[in-house]
Amino acid sequence: MEIATYLVILALVLQYPLLESRIQKIQRRADRIERKLDLILGHLDIQVAEPGLEQVAALLREGKKIEAIKVYRQLTDAGLREAKEAVERMDVAAK
């Protein structure tokens, strides 16, 4: 029984780098798709207001980018990098 458990754990440990690499690849692809969609929406002059993000937009208008990122993270449970990229996209779209 112990040997089987160790073999399963070993198999999982060996698979982790492959899974992490795959997840990163999917994330990069999703980021590219999101950037393209933002460009299309901007070209068509379509504003998509996400619920609760009015406060983030107001902070951006006031020039408080760091506070806007903090609020975005609180509202969406996003990570720091994701929040920063989203707020920067909002800032570019607003200009």
N, C-alpha and C. Protein backbone atom coordinates (compact mmCIF):
# COMPACT_ATOMS: atom_id res chain seq x y z
N MET A 1 0.83 -1.20 0.00
CA MET A 1 0.00 0.00 0.00
C MET A 1 0.86 1.25 0.00
N GLU A 2 1.92 1.26 0.78
CA GLU A 2 2.78 2.44 0.84
C GLU A 2 3.49 2.69 -0.48
N ILE A 3 3.90 1.65 -1.14
CA ILE A 3 4.61 1.80 -2.42
C ILE A 3 3.67 2.42 -3.46
N ALA A 4 2.44 1.99 -3.49
CA ALA A 4 1.47 2.55 -4.44
C ALA A 4 1.25 4.03 -4.16
N THR A 5 1.17 4.40 -2.91
CA THR A 5 0.99 5.80 -2.55
C THR A 5 2.19 6.63 -3.00
N TYR A 6 3.37 6.13 -2.77
CA TYR A 6 4.58 6.85 -3.19
C TYR A 6 4.66 6.97 -4.70
N LEU A 7 4.23 5.94 -5.41
CA LEU A 7 4.24 5.99 -6.87
C LEU A 7 3.26 7.03 -7.39
N VAL A 8 2.10 7.11 -6.78
CA VAL A 8 1.11 8.11 -7.18
C VAL A 8 1.65 9.51 -6.92
N ILE A 9 2.24 9.71 -5.75
CA ILE A 9 2.81 11.03 -5.43
C ILE A 9 3.94 11.37 -6.40
N LEU A 10 4.78 10.43 -6.70
CA LEU A 10 5.87 10.65 -7.65
C LEU A 10 5.33 11.02 -9.03
N ALA A 11 4.30 10.32 -9.46
CA ALA A 11 3.69 10.61 -10.77
C ALA A 11 3.12 12.03 -10.79
N LEU A 12 2.48 12.44 -9.71
CA LEU A 12 1.92 13.79 -9.64
C LEU A 12 3.03 14.85 -9.65
N VAL A 13 4.09 14.58 -8.92
CA VAL A 13 5.20 15.53 -8.88
C VAL A 13 5.84 15.67 -10.26
N LEU A 14 5.96 14.57 -10.97
CA LEU A 14 6.56 14.62 -12.30
C LEU A 14 5.65 15.30 -13.33
N GLN A 15 4.34 15.24 -13.11
CA GLN A 15 3.39 15.85 -14.04
C GLN A 15 3.22 17.35 -13.81
N TYR A 16 3.56 17.83 -12.62
CA TYR A 16 3.31 19.23 -12.27
C TYR A 16 3.94 20.21 -13.27
N PRO A 17 5.22 20.08 -13.63
CA PRO A 17 5.80 21.05 -14.59
C PRO A 17 5.07 21.05 -15.93
N LEU A 18 4.62 19.90 -16.37
CA LEU A 18 3.89 19.85 -17.64
C LEU A 18 2.56 20.58 -17.54
N LEU A 19 1.87 20.37 -16.42
CA LEU A 19 0.58 21.04 -16.23
C LEU A 19 0.76 22.56 -16.09
N GLU A 20 1.78 22.96 -15.35
CA GLU A 20 2.02 24.38 -15.17
C GLU A 20 2.37 25.04 -16.50
N SER A 21 3.17 24.39 -17.31
CA SER A 21 3.53 24.92 -18.62
C SER A 21 2.29 25.07 -19.49
N ARG A 22 1.43 24.08 -19.45
CA ARG A 22 0.20 24.12 -20.24
C ARG A 22 -0.72 25.25 -19.78
N ILE A 23 -0.83 25.43 -18.47
CA ILE A 23 -1.67 26.50 -17.93
C ILE A 23 -1.12 27.87 -18.34
N GLN A 24 0.19 28.05 -18.29
CA GLN A 24 0.79 29.31 -18.70
C GLN A 24 0.55 29.59 -20.18
N LYS A 25 0.61 28.56 -20.99
CA LYS A 25 0.36 28.71 -22.42
C LYS A 25 -1.08 29.14 -22.67
N ILE A 26 -2.00 28.53 -21.97
CA ILE A 26 -3.42 28.88 -22.09
C ILE A 26 -3.66 30.31 -21.62
N GLN A 27 -3.00 30.70 -20.53
CA GLN A 27 -3.14 32.06 -20.00
C GLN A 27 -2.63 33.09 -21.00
N ARG A 28 -1.48 32.83 -21.61
CA ARG A 28 -0.94 33.76 -22.62
C ARG A 28 -1.90 33.89 -23.80
N ARG A 29 -2.47 32.77 -24.21
CA ARG A 29 -3.42 32.82 -25.32
C ARG A 29 -4.67 33.61 -24.95
N ALA A 30 -5.17 33.40 -23.75
CA ALA A 30 -6.34 34.15 -23.29
C ALA A 30 -6.03 35.65 -23.22
N ASP A 31 -4.83 36.00 -22.77
CA ASP A 31 -4.42 37.40 -22.71
C ASP A 31 -4.39 38.02 -24.10
N ARG A 32 -3.85 37.28 -25.09
CA ARG A 32 -3.82 37.80 -26.47
C ARG A 32 -5.23 38.00 -27.01
N ILE A 33 -6.10 37.05 -26.74
CA ILE A 33 -7.48 37.16 -27.21
C ILE A 33 -8.16 38.36 -26.57
N GLU A 34 -7.93 38.55 -25.28
CA GLU A 34 -8.54 39.68 -24.59
C GLU A 34 -8.04 41.01 -25.14
N ARG A 35 -6.73 41.11 -25.43
CA ARG A 35 -6.19 42.34 -26.02
C ARG A 35 -6.81 42.61 -27.38
N LYS A 36 -6.97 41.57 -28.18
CA LYS A 36 -7.58 41.74 -29.50
C LYS A 36 -9.03 42.18 -29.38
N LEU A 37 -9.74 41.58 -28.45
CA LEU A 37 -11.14 41.96 -28.25
C LEU A 37 -11.23 43.42 -27.80
N ASP A 38 -10.32 43.84 -26.92
CA ASP A 38 -10.31 45.23 -26.48
C ASP A 38 -10.06 46.17 -27.66
N LEU A 39 -9.16 45.79 -28.56
CA LEU A 39 -8.90 46.61 -29.74
C LEU A 39 -10.12 46.70 -30.64
N ILE A 40 -10.80 45.59 -30.81
CA ILE A 40 -12.02 45.59 -31.64
C ILE A 40 -13.08 46.47 -31.03
N LEU A 41 -13.29 46.33 -29.73
CA LEU A 41 -14.29 47.16 -29.05
C LEU A 41 -13.92 48.64 -29.14
N GLY A 42 -12.64 48.94 -28.99
CA GLY A 42 -12.20 50.32 -29.10
C GLY A 42 -12.39 50.87 -30.51
N HIS A 43 -12.09 50.04 -31.51
CA HIS A 43 -12.26 50.47 -32.90
C HIS A 43 -13.73 50.74 -33.22
N LEU A 44 -14.60 49.92 -32.67
CA LEU A 44 -16.03 50.11 -32.90
C LEU A 44 -16.64 51.12 -31.95
N ASP A 45 -15.81 51.69 -31.07
CA ASP A 45 -16.24 52.68 -30.07
C ASP A 45 -17.37 52.13 -29.20
N ILE A 46 -17.19 50.90 -28.75
CA ILE A 46 -18.17 50.26 -27.87
C ILE A 46 -17.58 50.24 -26.47
N GLN A 47 -18.30 50.79 -25.52
CA GLN A 47 -17.88 50.80 -24.12
C GLN A 47 -18.65 49.71 -23.38
N VAL A 48 -17.92 48.80 -22.77
CA VAL A 48 -18.52 47.73 -22.00
C VAL A 48 -18.22 48.00 -20.53
N ALA A 49 -19.24 48.40 -19.80
CA ALA A 49 -19.05 48.70 -18.38
C ALA A 49 -19.26 47.42 -17.57
N GLU A 50 -18.23 47.05 -16.84
CA GLU A 50 -18.35 45.89 -15.98
C GLU A 50 -18.97 46.34 -14.67
N PRO A 51 -19.84 45.53 -14.09
CA PRO A 51 -20.53 45.93 -12.86
C PRO A 51 -19.54 46.22 -11.73
N GLY A 52 -19.75 47.35 -11.06
CA GLY A 52 -18.94 47.68 -9.90
C GLY A 52 -17.62 48.35 -10.22
N LEU A 53 -17.30 48.51 -11.48
CA LEU A 53 -16.00 49.09 -11.83
C LEU A 53 -16.05 50.60 -12.06
N GLU A 54 -17.18 51.21 -11.76
CA GLU A 54 -17.28 52.66 -11.91
C GLU A 54 -16.30 53.36 -10.98
N GLN A 55 -16.10 52.79 -9.80
CA GLN A 55 -15.17 53.36 -8.84
C GLN A 55 -13.74 53.31 -9.38
N VAL A 56 -13.40 52.23 -10.06
CA VAL A 56 -12.07 52.10 -10.66
C VAL A 56 -11.89 53.17 -11.75
N ALA A 57 -12.91 53.33 -12.57
CA ALA A 57 -12.83 54.34 -13.63
C ALA A 57 -12.71 55.74 -13.04
N ALA A 58 -13.41 56.01 -11.95
CA ALA A 58 -13.33 57.32 -11.30
C ALA A 58 -11.92 57.57 -10.77
N LEU A 59 -11.33 56.56 -10.16
CA LEU A 59 -9.96 56.70 -9.66
C LEU A 59 -8.97 56.95 -10.80
N LEU A 60 -9.18 56.30 -11.92
CA LEU A 60 -8.31 56.53 -13.08
C LEU A 60 -8.43 57.96 -13.59
N ARG A 61 -9.66 58.47 -13.61
CA ARG A 61 -9.86 59.85 -14.06
C ARG A 61 -9.15 60.83 -13.14
N GLU A 62 -9.05 60.47 -11.85
CA GLU A 62 -8.37 61.33 -10.88
C GLU A 62 -6.85 61.13 -10.90
N GLY A 63 -6.38 60.18 -11.72
CA GLY A 63 -4.95 59.92 -11.81
C GLY A 63 -4.41 59.03 -10.70
N LYS A 64 -5.29 58.30 -10.03
CA LYS A 64 -4.91 57.43 -8.91
C LYS A 64 -4.88 55.98 -9.38
N LYS A 65 -3.86 55.68 -10.17
CA LYS A 65 -3.77 54.36 -10.79
C LYS A 65 -3.56 53.24 -9.77
N ILE A 66 -2.70 53.46 -8.80
CA ILE A 66 -2.42 52.41 -7.80
C ILE A 66 -3.67 52.10 -6.99
N GLU A 67 -4.39 53.15 -6.58
CA GLU A 67 -5.64 52.92 -5.84
C GLU A 67 -6.66 52.20 -6.71
N ALA A 68 -6.67 52.54 -8.01
CA ALA A 68 -7.59 51.88 -8.93
C ALA A 68 -7.29 50.39 -9.03
N ILE A 69 -6.01 50.04 -9.05
CA ILE A 69 -5.61 48.63 -9.10
C ILE A 69 -6.05 47.91 -7.83
N LYS A 70 -5.86 48.57 -6.68
CA LYS A 70 -6.28 47.97 -5.41
C LYS A 70 -7.78 47.70 -5.38
N VAL A 71 -8.55 48.68 -5.81
CA VAL A 71 -10.01 48.53 -5.82
C VAL A 71 -10.42 47.43 -6.80
N TYR A 72 -9.78 47.40 -7.96
CA TYR A 72 -10.09 46.36 -8.95
C TYR A 72 -9.85 44.98 -8.35
N ARG A 73 -8.74 44.82 -7.64
CA ARG A 73 -8.43 43.53 -7.01
C ARG A 73 -9.48 43.15 -5.98
N GLN A 74 -9.94 44.12 -5.21
CA GLN A 74 -10.96 43.85 -4.21
C GLN A 74 -12.28 43.43 -4.86
N LEU A 75 -12.62 44.08 -5.96
CA LEU A 75 -13.90 43.80 -6.62
C LEU A 75 -13.90 42.47 -7.37
N THR A 76 -12.75 42.10 -7.92
CA THR A 76 -12.71 40.94 -8.82
C THR A 76 -11.93 39.75 -8.30
N ASP A 77 -11.25 39.90 -7.17
CA ASP A 77 -10.37 38.85 -6.64
C ASP A 77 -9.26 38.49 -7.62
N ALA A 78 -8.87 39.44 -8.44
CA ALA A 78 -7.80 39.21 -9.42
C ALA A 78 -6.45 39.33 -8.74
N GLY A 79 -5.46 38.71 -9.35
CA GLY A 79 -4.09 38.86 -8.88
C GLY A 79 -3.55 40.22 -9.25
N LEU A 80 -2.39 40.56 -8.71
CA LEU A 80 -1.82 41.88 -8.95
C LEU A 80 -1.55 42.12 -10.43
N ARG A 81 -0.94 41.17 -11.09
CA ARG A 81 -0.60 41.34 -12.51
C ARG A 81 -1.87 41.49 -13.36
N GLU A 82 -2.84 40.63 -13.12
CA GLU A 82 -4.09 40.68 -13.88
C GLU A 82 -4.80 42.01 -13.65
N ALA A 83 -4.83 42.46 -12.40
CA ALA A 83 -5.49 43.72 -12.08
C ALA A 83 -4.78 44.89 -12.75
N LYS A 84 -3.46 44.88 -12.70
CA LYS A 84 -2.68 45.96 -13.32
C LYS A 84 -2.95 46.02 -14.82
N GLU A 85 -2.94 44.88 -15.47
CA GLU A 85 -3.19 44.85 -16.92
C GLU A 85 -4.61 45.32 -17.24
N ALA A 86 -5.58 44.90 -16.44
CA ALA A 86 -6.97 45.29 -16.69
C ALA A 86 -7.15 46.79 -16.50
N VAL A 87 -6.56 47.34 -15.44
CA VAL A 87 -6.67 48.77 -15.18
C VAL A 87 -5.97 49.57 -16.28
N GLU A 88 -4.83 49.09 -16.74
CA GLU A 88 -4.14 49.77 -17.83
C GLU A 88 -4.97 49.75 -19.11
N ARG A 89 -5.65 48.63 -19.36
CA ARG A 89 -6.53 48.56 -20.54
C ARG A 89 -7.68 49.57 -20.39
N MET A 90 -8.23 49.66 -19.17
CA MET A 90 -9.32 50.61 -18.93
C MET A 90 -8.83 52.03 -19.14
N ASP A 91 -7.60 52.30 -18.72
CA ASP A 91 -7.03 53.63 -18.84
C ASP A 91 -6.83 54.00 -20.31
N VAL A 92 -6.32 53.05 -21.09
CA VAL A 92 -6.10 53.29 -22.52
C VAL A 92 -7.43 53.46 -23.24
N ALA A 93 -8.41 52.67 -22.88
CA ALA A 93 -9.72 52.75 -23.53
C ALA A 93 -10.40 54.07 -23.22
N ALA A 94 -10.15 54.63 -22.05
CA ALA A 94 -10.79 55.88 -21.65
C ALA A 94 -10.18 57.09 -22.37
N LYS A 95 -8.96 56.94 -22.85
CA LYS A 95 -8.27 58.09 -23.49
C LYS A 95 -8.59 58.20 -24.94
